[in-house]
Amino acid sequence: NSGVYSSSRTLLSLAENGNAPKFFARINRFGIPIWSVLATCAVGC
């Protein structure tokens, strides 16, 4: 759980700083960086 949380927020920061694709910075209406979360889970899988 901590791994998904911390890595998704790190990927969000990378996207906001231009070090990762911009769509990873997208935040949904729940305040969650949805694409960063899903990408992290996919790579973990």
PDB file of all heavy atoms in Angstrom:
ATOM      1  N   ASN A   1       0.827  -1.203   0.000  1.00  0.00           N
ATOM      2  CA  ASN A   1       0.000   0.000   0.000  1.00  0.00           C
ATOM      3  C   ASN A   1       0.864   1.256   0.000  1.00  0.00           C
ATOM      4  O   ASN A   1       0.639   2.198  -0.771  1.00  0.00           O
ATOM      5  CB  ASN A   1      -0.907  -0.033   1.237  1.00  0.00           C
ATOM      6  CG  ASN A   1      -1.968   1.053   1.217  1.00  0.00           C
ATOM      7  OD1 ASN A   1      -2.482   1.411   0.161  1.00  0.00           O
ATOM      8  ND2 ASN A   1      -2.295   1.572   2.390  1.00  0.00           N
ATOM      9  N   SER A   2       1.889   1.263   0.863  1.00  0.00           N
ATOM     10  CA  SER A   2       2.816   2.398   0.922  1.00  0.00           C
ATOM     11  C   SER A   2       3.596   2.525  -0.384  1.00  0.00           C
ATOM     12  O   SER A   2       3.895   3.631  -0.842  1.00  0.00           O
ATOM     13  CB  SER A   2       3.789   2.222   2.090  1.00  0.00           C
ATOM     14  OG  SER A   2       3.112   2.260   3.320  1.00  0.00           O
ATOM     15  N   GLY A   3       3.935   1.369  -0.981  1.00  0.00           N
ATOM     16  CA  GLY A   3       4.666   1.389  -2.242  1.00  0.00           C
ATOM     17  C   GLY A   3       3.872   2.044  -3.356  1.00  0.00           C
ATOM     18  O   GLY A   3       4.401   2.875  -4.104  1.00  0.00           O
ATOM     19  N   VAL A   4       2.595   1.682  -3.472  1.00  0.00           N
ATOM     20  CA  VAL A   4       1.741   2.283  -4.505  1.00  0.00           C
ATOM     21  C   VAL A   4       1.576   3.777  -4.251  1.00  0.00           C
ATOM     22  O   VAL A   4       1.678   4.591  -5.175  1.00  0.00           O
ATOM     23  CB  VAL A   4       0.360   1.598  -4.538  1.00  0.00           C
ATOM     24  CG1 VAL A   4      -0.585   2.328  -5.495  1.00  0.00           C
ATOM     25  CG2 VAL A   4       0.503   0.144  -4.960  1.00  0.00           C
ATOM     26  N   TYR A   5       1.356   4.150  -2.994  1.00  0.00           N
ATOM     27  CA  TYR A   5       1.152   5.559  -2.648  1.00  0.00           C
ATOM     28  C   TYR A   5       2.398   6.400  -2.958  1.00  0.00           C
ATOM     29  O   TYR A   5       2.327   7.393  -3.680  1.00  0.00           O
ATOM     30  CB  TYR A   5       0.792   5.698  -1.173  1.00  0.00           C
ATOM     31  CG  TYR A   5       0.724   7.137  -0.708  1.00  0.00           C
ATOM     32  CD1 TYR A   5      -0.417   7.898  -0.930  1.00  0.00           C
ATOM     33  CD2 TYR A   5       1.813   7.742  -0.088  1.00  0.00           C
ATOM     34  CE1 TYR A   5      -0.467   9.227  -0.543  1.00  0.00           C
ATOM     35  CE2 TYR A   5       1.766   9.064   0.305  1.00  0.00           C
ATOM     36  CZ  TYR A   5       0.626   9.805   0.074  1.00  0.00           C
ATOM     37  OH  TYR A   5       0.593  11.122   0.452  1.00  0.00           O
ATOM     38  N   SER A   6       3.534   5.988  -2.391  1.00  0.00           N
ATOM     39  CA  SER A   6       4.744   6.815  -2.512  1.00  0.00           C
ATOM     40  C   SER A   6       5.270   6.869  -3.940  1.00  0.00           C
ATOM     41  O   SER A   6       5.684   7.930  -4.414  1.00  0.00           O
ATOM     42  CB  SER A   6       5.831   6.290  -1.569  1.00  0.00           C
ATOM     43  OG  SER A   6       6.129   4.943  -1.860  1.00  0.00           O
ATOM     44  N   SER A   7       5.232   5.742  -4.663  1.00  0.00           N
ATOM     45  CA  SER A   7       5.745   5.751  -6.033  1.00  0.00           C
ATOM     46  C   SER A   7       4.829   6.542  -6.965  1.00  0.00           C
ATOM     47  O   SER A   7       5.309   7.224  -7.879  1.00  0.00           O
ATOM     48  CB  SER A   7       5.923   4.320  -6.550  1.00  0.00           C
ATOM     49  OG  SER A   7       4.725   3.594  -6.443  1.00  0.00           O
ATOM     50  N   SER A   8       3.513   6.492  -6.738  1.00  0.00           N
ATOM     51  CA  SER A   8       2.598   7.265  -7.586  1.00  0.00           C
ATOM     52  C   SER A   8       2.789   8.758  -7.368  1.00  0.00           C
ATOM     53  O   SER A   8       2.754   9.538  -8.328  1.00  0.00           O
ATOM     54  CB  SER A   8       1.143   6.866  -7.309  1.00  0.00           C
ATOM     55  OG  SER A   8       0.771   7.154  -5.970  1.00  0.00           O
ATOM     56  N   ARG A   9       3.035   9.176  -6.122  1.00  0.00           N
ATOM     57  CA  ARG A   9       3.266  10.605  -5.863  1.00  0.00           C
ATOM     58  C   ARG A   9       4.624  11.044  -6.412  1.00  0.00           C
ATOM     59  O   ARG A   9       4.802  12.184  -6.854  1.00  0.00           O
ATOM     60  CB  ARG A   9       3.189  10.900  -4.366  1.00  0.00           C
ATOM     61  CG  ARG A   9       1.798  11.247  -3.851  1.00  0.00           C
ATOM     62  CD  ARG A   9       0.745  10.275  -4.278  1.00  0.00           C
ATOM     63  NE  ARG A   9      -0.576  10.562  -3.730  1.00  0.00           N
ATOM     64  CZ  ARG A   9      -1.599   9.747  -3.862  1.00  0.00           C
ATOM     65  NH1 ARG A   9      -1.469   8.598  -4.522  1.00  0.00           N
ATOM     66  NH2 ARG A   9      -2.784  10.059  -3.371  1.00  0.00           N
ATOM     67  N   THR A  10       5.600  10.143  -6.388  1.00  0.00           N
ATOM     68  CA  THR A  10       6.904  10.462  -6.972  1.00  0.00           C
ATOM     69  C   THR A  10       6.772  10.609  -8.481  1.00  0.00           C
ATOM     70  O   THR A  10       7.353  11.523  -9.083  1.00  0.00           O
ATOM     71  CB  THR A  10       7.926   9.351  -6.645  1.00  0.00           C
ATOM     72  OG1 THR A  10       8.045   9.232  -5.228  1.00  0.00           O
ATOM     73  CG2 THR A  10       9.287   9.674  -7.236  1.00  0.00           C
ATOM     74  N   LEU A  11       6.003   9.711  -9.120  1.00  0.00           N
ATOM     75  CA  LEU A  11       5.792   9.803 -10.569  1.00  0.00           C
ATOM     76  C   LEU A  11       5.026  11.078 -10.917  1.00  0.00           C
ATOM     77  O   LEU A  11       5.304  11.723 -11.943  1.00  0.00           O
ATOM     78  CB  LEU A  11       5.026   8.567 -11.042  1.00  0.00           C
ATOM     79  CG  LEU A  11       4.885   8.368 -12.552  1.00  0.00           C
ATOM     80  CD1 LEU A  11       6.243   8.390 -13.238  1.00  0.00           C
ATOM     81  CD2 LEU A  11       4.162   7.060 -12.845  1.00  0.00           C
ATOM     82  N   LEU A  12       4.080  11.450 -10.077  1.00  0.00           N
ATOM     83  CA  LEU A  12       3.350  12.714 -10.259  1.00  0.00           C
ATOM     84  C   LEU A  12       4.324  13.892 -10.244  1.00  0.00           C
ATOM     85  O   LEU A  12       4.255  14.775 -11.102  1.00  0.00           O
ATOM     86  CB  LEU A  12       2.316  12.875  -9.150  1.00  0.00           C
ATOM     87  CG  LEU A  12       1.655  14.256  -8.988  1.00  0.00           C
ATOM     88  CD1 LEU A  12       0.798  14.581 -10.204  1.00  0.00           C
ATOM     89  CD2 LEU A  12       0.814  14.308  -7.718  1.00  0.00           C
ATOM     90  N   SER A  13       5.229  13.894  -9.277  1.00  0.00           N
ATOM     91  CA  SER A  13       6.211  14.977  -9.177  1.00  0.00           C
ATOM     92  C   SER A  13       7.124  15.005 -10.391  1.00  0.00           C
ATOM     93  O   SER A  13       7.448  16.075 -10.919  1.00  0.00           O
ATOM     94  CB  SER A  13       7.037  14.802  -7.894  1.00  0.00           C
ATOM     95  OG  SER A  13       8.052  15.782  -7.807  1.00  0.00           O
ATOM     96  N   LEU A  14       7.539  13.827 -10.862  1.00  0.00           N
ATOM     97  CA  LEU A  14       8.392  13.760 -12.056  1.00  0.00           C
ATOM     98  C   LEU A  14       7.664  14.356 -13.265  1.00  0.00           C
ATOM     99  O   LEU A  14       8.260  15.087 -14.058  1.00  0.00           O
ATOM    100  CB  LEU A  14       8.778  12.309 -12.334  1.00  0.00           C
ATOM    101  CG  LEU A  14       9.822  11.687 -11.399  1.00  0.00           C
ATOM    102  CD1 LEU A  14       9.871  10.166 -11.577  1.00  0.00           C
ATOM    103  CD2 LEU A  14      11.199  12.290 -11.649  1.00  0.00           C
ATOM    104  N   ALA A  15       6.373  14.044 -13.392  1.00  0.00           N
ATOM    105  CA  ALA A  15       5.594  14.566 -14.520  1.00  0.00           C
ATOM    106  C   ALA A  15       5.442  16.086 -14.421  1.00  0.00           C
ATOM    107  O   ALA A  15       5.549  16.802 -15.421  1.00  0.00           O
ATOM    108  CB  ALA A  15       4.232  13.892 -14.561  1.00  0.00           C
ATOM    109  N   GLU A  16       5.187  16.581 -13.214  1.00  0.00           N
ATOM    110  CA  GLU A  16       5.016  18.026 -13.022  1.00  0.00           C
ATOM    111  C   GLU A  16       6.303  18.782 -13.301  1.00  0.00           C
ATOM    112  O   GLU A  16       6.272  19.938 -13.721  1.00  0.00           O
ATOM    113  CB  GLU A  16       4.534  18.305 -11.601  1.00  0.00           C
ATOM    114  CG  GLU A  16       3.092  17.870 -11.357  1.00  0.00           C
ATOM    115  CD  GLU A  16       2.646  18.097  -9.920  1.00  0.00           C
ATOM    116  OE1 GLU A  16       3.512  18.205  -9.031  1.00  0.00           O
ATOM    117  OE2 GLU A  16       1.421  18.168  -9.696  1.00  0.00           O
ATOM    118  N   ASN A  17       7.458  18.130 -13.066  1.00  0.00           N
ATOM    119  CA  ASN A  17       8.756  18.771 -13.315  1.00  0.00           C
ATOM    120  C   ASN A  17       9.270  18.518 -14.724  1.00  0.00           C
ATOM    121  O   ASN A  17      10.405  18.881 -15.048  1.00  0.00           O
ATOM    122  CB  ASN A  17       9.792  18.282 -12.300  1.00  0.00           C
ATOM    123  CG  ASN A  17       9.521  18.788 -10.905  1.00  0.00           C
ATOM    124  OD1 ASN A  17       9.014  19.901 -10.734  1.00  0.00           O
ATOM    125  ND2 ASN A  17       9.825  17.989  -9.895  1.00  0.00           N
ATOM    126  N   GLY A  18       8.457  17.851 -15.571  1.00  0.00           N
ATOM    127  CA  GLY A  18       8.863  17.607 -16.947  1.00  0.00           C
ATOM    128  C   GLY A  18       9.782  16.421 -17.124  1.00  0.00           C
ATOM    129  O   GLY A  18      10.382  16.252 -18.194  1.00  0.00           O
ATOM    130  N   ASN A  19       9.895  15.564 -16.112  1.00  0.00           N
ATOM    131  CA  ASN A  19      10.788  14.413 -16.190  1.00  0.00           C
ATOM    132  C   ASN A  19      10.050  13.106 -16.474  1.00  0.00           C
ATOM    133  O   ASN A  19      10.643  12.027 -16.428  1.00  0.00           O
ATOM    134  CB  ASN A  19      11.576  14.265 -14.880  1.00  0.00           C
ATOM    135  CG  ASN A  19      12.565  15.398 -14.685  1.00  0.00           C
ATOM    136  OD1 ASN A  19      13.133  15.902 -15.652  1.00  0.00           O
ATOM    137  ND2 ASN A  19      12.748  15.827 -13.440  1.00  0.00           N
ATOM    138  N   ALA A  20       8.741  13.201 -16.728  1.00  0.00           N
ATOM    139  CA  ALA A  20       7.921  12.047 -17.085  1.00  0.00           C
ATOM    140  C   ALA A  20       6.777  12.563 -17.956  1.00  0.00           C
ATOM    141  O   ALA A  20       6.486  13.762 -17.957  1.00  0.00           O
ATOM    142  CB  ALA A  20       7.384  11.352 -15.827  1.00  0.00           C
ATOM    143  N   PRO A  21       6.138  11.691 -18.735  1.00  0.00           N
ATOM    144  CA  PRO A  21       5.014  12.145 -19.574  1.00  0.00           C
ATOM    145  C   PRO A  21       3.977  12.920 -18.772  1.00  0.00           C
ATOM    146  O   PRO A  21       3.643  12.550 -17.644  1.00  0.00           O
ATOM    147  CB  PRO A  21       4.442  10.821 -20.110  1.00  0.00           C
ATOM    148  CG  PRO A  21       5.620   9.892 -20.139  1.00  0.00           C
ATOM    149  CD  PRO A  21       6.447  10.256 -18.941  1.00  0.00           C
ATOM    150  N   LYS A  22       3.446  13.969 -19.379  1.00  0.00           N
ATOM    151  CA  LYS A  22       2.559  14.891 -18.665  1.00  0.00           C
ATOM    152  C   LYS A  22       1.272  14.240 -18.160  1.00  0.00           C
ATOM    153  O   LYS A  22       0.695  14.687 -17.163  1.00  0.00           O
ATOM    154  CB  LYS A  22       2.210  16.073 -19.581  1.00  0.00           C
ATOM    155  CG  LYS A  22       3.290  17.130 -19.676  1.00  0.00           C
ATOM    156  CD  LYS A  22       3.490  17.823 -18.323  1.00  0.00           C
ATOM    157  CE  LYS A  22       4.549  18.916 -18.416  1.00  0.00           C
ATOM    158  NZ  LYS A  22       4.813  19.504 -17.069  1.00  0.00           N
ATOM    159  N   PHE A  23       0.795  13.180 -18.856  1.00  0.00           N
ATOM    160  CA  PHE A  23      -0.492  12.614 -18.424  1.00  0.00           C
ATOM    161  C   PHE A  23      -0.399  11.963 -17.043  1.00  0.00           C
ATOM    162  O   PHE A  23      -1.407  11.737 -16.386  1.00  0.00           O
ATOM    163  CB  PHE A  23      -1.025  11.625 -19.466  1.00  0.00           C
ATOM    164  CG  PHE A  23      -0.233  10.351 -19.602  1.00  0.00           C
ATOM    165  CD1 PHE A  23      -0.530   9.255 -18.808  1.00  0.00           C
ATOM    166  CD2 PHE A  23       0.787  10.248 -20.545  1.00  0.00           C
ATOM    167  CE1 PHE A  23       0.180   8.070 -18.929  1.00  0.00           C
ATOM    168  CE2 PHE A  23       1.494   9.076 -20.678  1.00  0.00           C
ATOM    169  CZ  PHE A  23       1.201   7.972 -19.873  1.00  0.00           C
ATOM    170  N   PHE A  24       0.831  11.689 -16.581  1.00  0.00           N
ATOM    171  CA  PHE A  24       0.995  11.146 -15.234  1.00  0.00           C
ATOM    172  C   PHE A  24       0.685  12.198 -14.166  1.00  0.00           C
ATOM    173  O   PHE A  24       0.533  11.865 -12.992  1.00  0.00           O
ATOM    174  CB  PHE A  24       2.407  10.607 -15.021  1.00  0.00           C
ATOM    175  CG  PHE A  24       2.667   9.304 -15.717  1.00  0.00           C
ATOM    176  CD1 PHE A  24       3.749   9.163 -16.570  1.00  0.00           C
ATOM    177  CD2 PHE A  24       1.833   8.219 -15.527  1.00  0.00           C
ATOM    178  CE1 PHE A  24       4.002   7.954 -17.218  1.00  0.00           C
ATOM    179  CE2 PHE A  24       2.068   7.008 -16.167  1.00  0.00           C
ATOM    180  CZ  PHE A  24       3.144   6.884 -17.020  1.00  0.00           C
ATOM    181  N   ALA A  25       0.592  13.463 -14.573  1.00  0.00           N
ATOM    182  CA  ALA A  25       0.284  14.532 -13.621  1.00  0.00           C
ATOM    183  C   ALA A  25      -1.220  14.767 -13.494  1.00  0.00           C
ATOM    184  O   ALA A  25      -1.643  15.608 -12.697  1.00  0.00           O
ATOM    185  CB  ALA A  25       0.973  15.829 -14.064  1.00  0.00           C
ATOM    186  N   ARG A  26      -2.019  14.017 -14.235  1.00  0.00           N
ATOM    187  CA  ARG A  26      -3.468  14.204 -14.186  1.00  0.00           C
ATOM    188  C   ARG A  26      -4.009  13.720 -12.830  1.00  0.00           C
ATOM    189  O   ARG A  26      -3.699  12.629 -12.377  1.00  0.00           O
ATOM    190  CB  ARG A  26      -4.143  13.435 -15.313  1.00  0.00           C
ATOM    191  CG  ARG A  26      -5.655  13.629 -15.313  1.00  0.00           C
ATOM    192  CD  ARG A  26      -6.338  12.765 -16.359  1.00  0.00           C
ATOM    193  NE  ARG A  26      -7.797  12.842 -16.221  1.00  0.00           N
ATOM    194  CZ  ARG A  26      -8.645  12.070 -16.892  1.00  0.00           C
ATOM    195  NH1 ARG A  26      -8.192  11.170 -17.730  1.00  0.00           N
ATOM    196  NH2 ARG A  26      -9.943  12.197 -16.704  1.00  0.00           N
ATOM    197  N   ILE A  27      -4.830  14.548 -12.218  1.00  0.00           N
ATOM    198  CA  ILE A  27      -5.441  14.231 -10.919  1.00  0.00           C
ATOM    199  C   ILE A  27      -6.953  14.196 -11.095  1.00  0.00           C
ATOM    200  O   ILE A  27      -7.531  15.113 -11.671  1.00  0.00           O
ATOM    201  CB  ILE A  27      -5.053  15.286  -9.858  1.00  0.00           C
ATOM    202  CG1 ILE A  27      -3.522  15.298  -9.658  1.00  0.00           C
ATOM    203  CG2 ILE A  27      -5.753  15.013  -8.535  1.00  0.00           C
ATOM    204  CD1 ILE A  27      -3.024  16.407  -8.778  1.00  0.00           C
ATOM    205  N   ASN A  28      -7.581  13.122 -10.613  1.00  0.00           N
ATOM    206  CA  ASN A  28      -9.031  12.997 -10.792  1.00  0.00           C
ATOM    207  C   ASN A  28      -9.793  13.787  -9.731  1.00  0.00           C
ATOM    208  O   ASN A  28      -9.196  14.430  -8.862  1.00  0.00           O
ATOM    209  CB  ASN A  28      -9.463  11.522 -10.812  1.00  0.00           C
ATOM    210  CG  ASN A  28      -9.228  10.822  -9.477  1.00  0.00           C
ATOM    211  OD1 ASN A  28      -8.975  11.454  -8.446  1.00  0.00           O
ATOM    212  ND2 ASN A  28      -9.313   9.503  -9.482  1.00  0.00           N
ATOM    213  N   ARG A  29     -11.105  13.725  -9.785  1.00  0.00           N
ATOM    214  CA  ARG A  29     -11.924  14.543  -8.877  1.00  0.00           C
ATOM    215  C   ARG A  29     -11.818  14.091  -7.419  1.00  0.00           C
ATOM    216  O   ARG A  29     -12.220  14.813  -6.508  1.00  0.00           O
ATOM    217  CB  ARG A  29     -13.389  14.516  -9.306  1.00  0.00           C
ATOM    218  CG  ARG A  29     -14.045  13.157  -9.297  1.00  0.00           C
ATOM    219  CD  ARG A  29     -15.401  13.202  -9.998  1.00  0.00           C
ATOM    220  NE  ARG A  29     -16.078  11.905 -10.028  1.00  0.00           N
ATOM    221  CZ  ARG A  29     -16.900  11.471  -9.086  1.00  0.00           C
ATOM    222  NH1 ARG A  29     -17.165  12.247  -8.043  1.00  0.00           N
ATOM    223  NH2 ARG A  29     -17.473  10.287  -9.181  1.00  0.00           N
ATOM    224  N   PHE A  30     -11.271  12.892  -7.187  1.00  0.00           N
ATOM    225  CA  PHE A  30     -11.058  12.414  -5.821  1.00  0.00           C
ATOM    226  C   PHE A  30      -9.720  12.895  -5.248  1.00  0.00           C
ATOM    227  O   PHE A  30      -9.354  12.553  -4.125  1.00  0.00           O
ATOM    228  CB  PHE A  30     -11.100  10.884  -5.775  1.00  0.00           C
ATOM    229  CG  PHE A  30     -12.404  10.297  -6.230  1.00  0.00           C
ATOM    230  CD1 PHE A  30     -12.485   9.589  -7.413  1.00  0.00           C
ATOM    231  CD2 PHE A  30     -13.556  10.467  -5.474  1.00  0.00           C
ATOM    232  CE1 PHE A  30     -13.680   9.045  -7.841  1.00  0.00           C
ATOM    233  CE2 PHE A  30     -14.759   9.926  -5.894  1.00  0.00           C
ATOM    234  CZ  PHE A  30     -14.824   9.218  -7.081  1.00  0.00           C
ATOM    235  N   GLY A  31      -8.962  13.671  -6.068  1.00  0.00           N
ATOM    236  CA  GLY A  31      -7.657  14.147  -5.620  1.00  0.00           C
ATOM    237  C   GLY A  31      -6.578  13.092  -5.732  1.00  0.00           C
ATOM    238  O   GLY A  31      -5.570  13.142  -5.028  1.00  0.00           O
ATOM    239  N   ILE A  32      -6.747  12.128  -6.660  1.00  0.00           N
ATOM    240  CA  ILE A  32      -5.806  11.025  -6.830  1.00  0.00           C
ATOM    241  C   ILE A  32      -5.114  11.136  -8.187  1.00  0.00           C
ATOM    242  O   ILE A  32      -5.786  11.317  -9.214  1.00  0.00           O
ATOM    243  CB  ILE A  32      -6.541   9.665  -6.743  1.00  0.00           C
ATOM    244  CG1 ILE A  32      -7.242   9.518  -5.391  1.00  0.00           C
ATOM    245  CG2 ILE A  32      -5.573   8.507  -6.977  1.00  0.00           C
ATOM    246  CD1 ILE A  32      -6.319   9.478  -4.207  1.00  0.00           C
ATOM    247  N   PRO A  33      -3.776  11.010  -8.252  1.00  0.00           N
ATOM    248  CA  PRO A  33      -3.076  10.976  -9.549  1.00  0.00           C
ATOM    249  C   PRO A  33      -3.297   9.604 -10.189  1.00  0.00           C
ATOM    250  O   PRO A  33      -2.455   8.710 -10.121  1.00  0.00           O
ATOM    251  CB  PRO A  33      -1.614  11.209  -9.166  1.00  0.00           C
ATOM    252  CG  PRO A  33      -1.504  10.698  -7.763  1.00  0.00           C
ATOM    253  CD  PRO A  33      -2.839  10.967  -7.117  1.00  0.00           C
ATOM    254  N   ILE A  34      -4.447   9.450 -10.839  1.00  0.00           N
ATOM    255  CA  ILE A  34      -4.962   8.144 -11.246  1.00  0.00           C
ATOM    256  C   ILE A  34      -4.014   7.395 -12.173  1.00  0.00           C
ATOM    257  O   ILE A  34      -3.780   6.194 -12.010  1.00  0.00           O
ATOM    258  CB  ILE A  34      -6.363   8.307 -11.887  1.00  0.00           C
ATOM    259  CG1 ILE A  34      -6.975   6.940 -12.198  1.00  0.00           C
ATOM    260  CG2 ILE A  34      -6.308   9.202 -13.111  1.00  0.00           C
ATOM    261  CD1 ILE A  34      -7.289   6.129 -10.981  1.00  0.00           C
ATOM    262  N   TRP A  35      -3.445   8.102 -13.167  1.00  0.00           N
ATOM    263  CA  TRP A  35      -2.575   7.407 -14.116  1.00  0.00           C
ATOM    264  C   TRP A  35      -1.259   6.998 -13.471  1.00  0.00           C
ATOM    265  O   TRP A  35      -0.673   5.971 -13.847  1.00  0.00           O
ATOM    266  CB  TRP A  35      -2.334   8.280 -15.344  1.00  0.00           C
ATOM    267  CG  TRP A  35      -3.576   8.467 -16.165  1.00  0.00           C
ATOM    268  CD1 TRP A  35      -4.281   9.625 -16.339  1.00  0.00           C
ATOM    269  CD2 TRP A  35      -4.289   7.456 -16.885  1.00  0.00           C
ATOM    270  NE1 TRP A  35      -5.387   9.411 -17.121  1.00  0.00           N
ATOM    271  CE2 TRP A  35      -5.419   8.083 -17.485  1.00  0.00           C
ATOM    272  CE3 TRP A  35      -4.083   6.090 -17.097  1.00  0.00           C
ATOM    273  CZ2 TRP A  35      -6.321   7.385 -18.266  1.00  0.00           C
ATOM    274  CZ3 TRP A  35      -4.991   5.391 -17.878  1.00  0.00           C
ATOM    275  CH2 TRP A  35      -6.085   6.038 -18.449  1.00  0.00           C
ATOM    276  N   SER A  36      -0.783   7.771 -12.529  1.00  0.00           N
ATOM    277  CA  SER A  36       0.440   7.413 -11.809  1.00  0.00           C
ATOM    278  C   SER A  36       0.207   6.165 -10.951  1.00  0.00           C
ATOM    279  O   SER A  36       1.059   5.283 -10.866  1.00  0.00           O
ATOM    280  CB  SER A  36       0.904   8.572 -10.925  1.00  0.00           C
ATOM    281  OG  SER A  36       1.317   9.673 -11.699  1.00  0.00           O
ATOM    282  N   VAL A  37      -0.973   6.103 -10.316  1.00  0.00           N
ATOM    283  CA  VAL A  37      -1.310   4.932  -9.498  1.00  0.00           C
ATOM    284  C   VAL A  37      -1.406   3.682 -10.366  1.00  0.00           C
ATOM    285  O   VAL A  37      -0.832   2.635 -10.054  1.00  0.00           O
ATOM    286  CB  VAL A  37      -2.640   5.161  -8.745  1.00  0.00           C
ATOM    287  CG1 VAL A  37      -3.121   3.864  -8.097  1.00  0.00           C
ATOM    288  CG2 VAL A  37      -2.473   6.237  -7.676  1.00  0.00           C
ATOM    289  N   LEU A  38      -2.132   3.786 -11.487  1.00  0.00           N
ATOM    290  CA  LEU A  38      -2.332   2.628 -12.357  1.00  0.00           C
ATOM    291  C   LEU A  38      -1.017   2.184 -13.000  1.00  0.00           C
ATOM    292  O   LEU A  38      -0.775   0.971 -13.147  1.00  0.00           O
ATOM    293  CB  LEU A  38      -3.369   2.951 -13.437  1.00  0.00           C
ATOM    294  CG  LEU A  38      -4.797   3.220 -12.930  1.00  0.00           C
ATOM    295  CD1 LEU A  38      -5.718   3.582 -14.093  1.00  0.00           C
ATOM    296  CD2 LEU A  38      -5.330   2.001 -12.179  1.00  0.00           C
ATOM    297  N   ALA A  39      -0.161   3.143 -13.379  1.00  0.00           N
ATOM    298  CA  ALA A  39       1.126   2.787 -13.989  1.00  0.00           C
ATOM    299  C   ALA A  39       2.006   2.050 -12.992  1.00  0.00           C
ATOM    300  O   ALA A  39       2.672   1.064 -13.334  1.00  0.00           O
ATOM    301  CB  ALA A  39       1.835   4.052 -14.485  1.00  0.00           C
ATOM    302  N   THR A  40       2.007   2.518 -11.748  1.00  0.00           N
ATOM    303  CA  THR A  40       2.801   1.863 -10.712  1.00  0.00           C
ATOM    304  C   THR A  40       2.320   0.436 -10.478  1.00  0.00           C
ATOM    305  O   THR A  40       3.130  -0.501 -10.387  1.00  0.00           O
ATOM    306  CB  THR A  40       2.722   2.661  -9.397  1.00  0.00           C
ATOM    307  OG1 THR A  40       3.325   3.940  -9.593  1.00  0.00           O
ATOM    308  CG2 THR A  40       3.443   1.931  -8.278  1.00  0.00           C
ATOM    309  N   CYS A  41       1.013   0.255 -10.398  1.00  0.00           N
ATOM    310  CA  CYS A  41       0.452  -1.087 -10.182  1.00  0.00           C
ATOM    311  C   CYS A  41       0.753  -1.994 -11.373  1.00  0.00           C
ATOM    312  O   CYS A  41       1.043  -3.188 -11.197  1.00  0.00           O
ATOM    313  CB  CYS A  41      -1.053  -1.005  -9.955  1.00  0.00           C
ATOM    314  SG  CYS A  41      -1.510  -0.232  -8.382  1.00  0.00           S
ATOM    315  N   ALA A  42       0.708  -1.427 -12.581  1.00  0.00           N
ATOM    316  CA  ALA A  42       0.984  -2.224 -13.777  1.00  0.00           C
ATOM    317  C   ALA A  42       2.430  -2.692 -13.798  1.00  0.00           C
ATOM    318  O   ALA A  42       2.719  -3.865 -14.096  1.00  0.00           O
ATOM    319  CB  ALA A  42       0.676  -1.399 -15.029  1.00  0.00           C
ATOM    320  N   VAL A  43       3.363  -1.790 -13.484  1.00  0.00           N
ATOM    321  CA  VAL A  43       4.777  -2.154 -13.461  1.00  0.00           C
ATOM    322  C   VAL A  43       5.049  -3.168 -12.354  1.00  0.00           C
ATOM    323  O   VAL A  43       5.802  -4.131 -12.529  1.00  0.00           O
ATOM    324  CB  VAL A  43       5.665  -0.897 -13.267  1.00  0.00           C
ATOM    325  CG1 VAL A  43       7.118  -1.282 -13.001  1.00  0.00           C
ATOM    326  CG2 VAL A  43       5.582  -0.009 -14.499  1.00  0.00           C
ATOM    327  N   GLY A  44       4.407  -2.962 -11.191  1.00  0.00           N
ATOM    328  CA  GLY A  44       4.556  -3.920 -10.102  1.00  0.00           C
ATOM    329  C   GLY A  44       4.060  -5.292 -10.510  1.00  0.00           C
ATOM    330  O   GLY A  44       4.679  -6.316 -10.189  1.00  0.00           O
ATOM    331  N   CYS A  45       2.950  -5.336 -11.263  1.00  0.00           N
ATOM    332  CA  CYS A  45       2.386  -6.600 -11.731  1.00  0.00           C
ATOM    333  C   CYS A  45       3.333  -7.276 -12.728  1.00  0.00           C
ATOM    334  O   CYS A  45       3.566  -8.489 -12.650  1.00  0.00           O
ATOM    335  CB  CYS A  45       1.029  -6.351 -12.378  1.00  0.00           C
ATOM    336  SG  CYS A  45       0.172  -7.855 -12.873  1.00  0.00           S
TER     337      CYS A  45
END
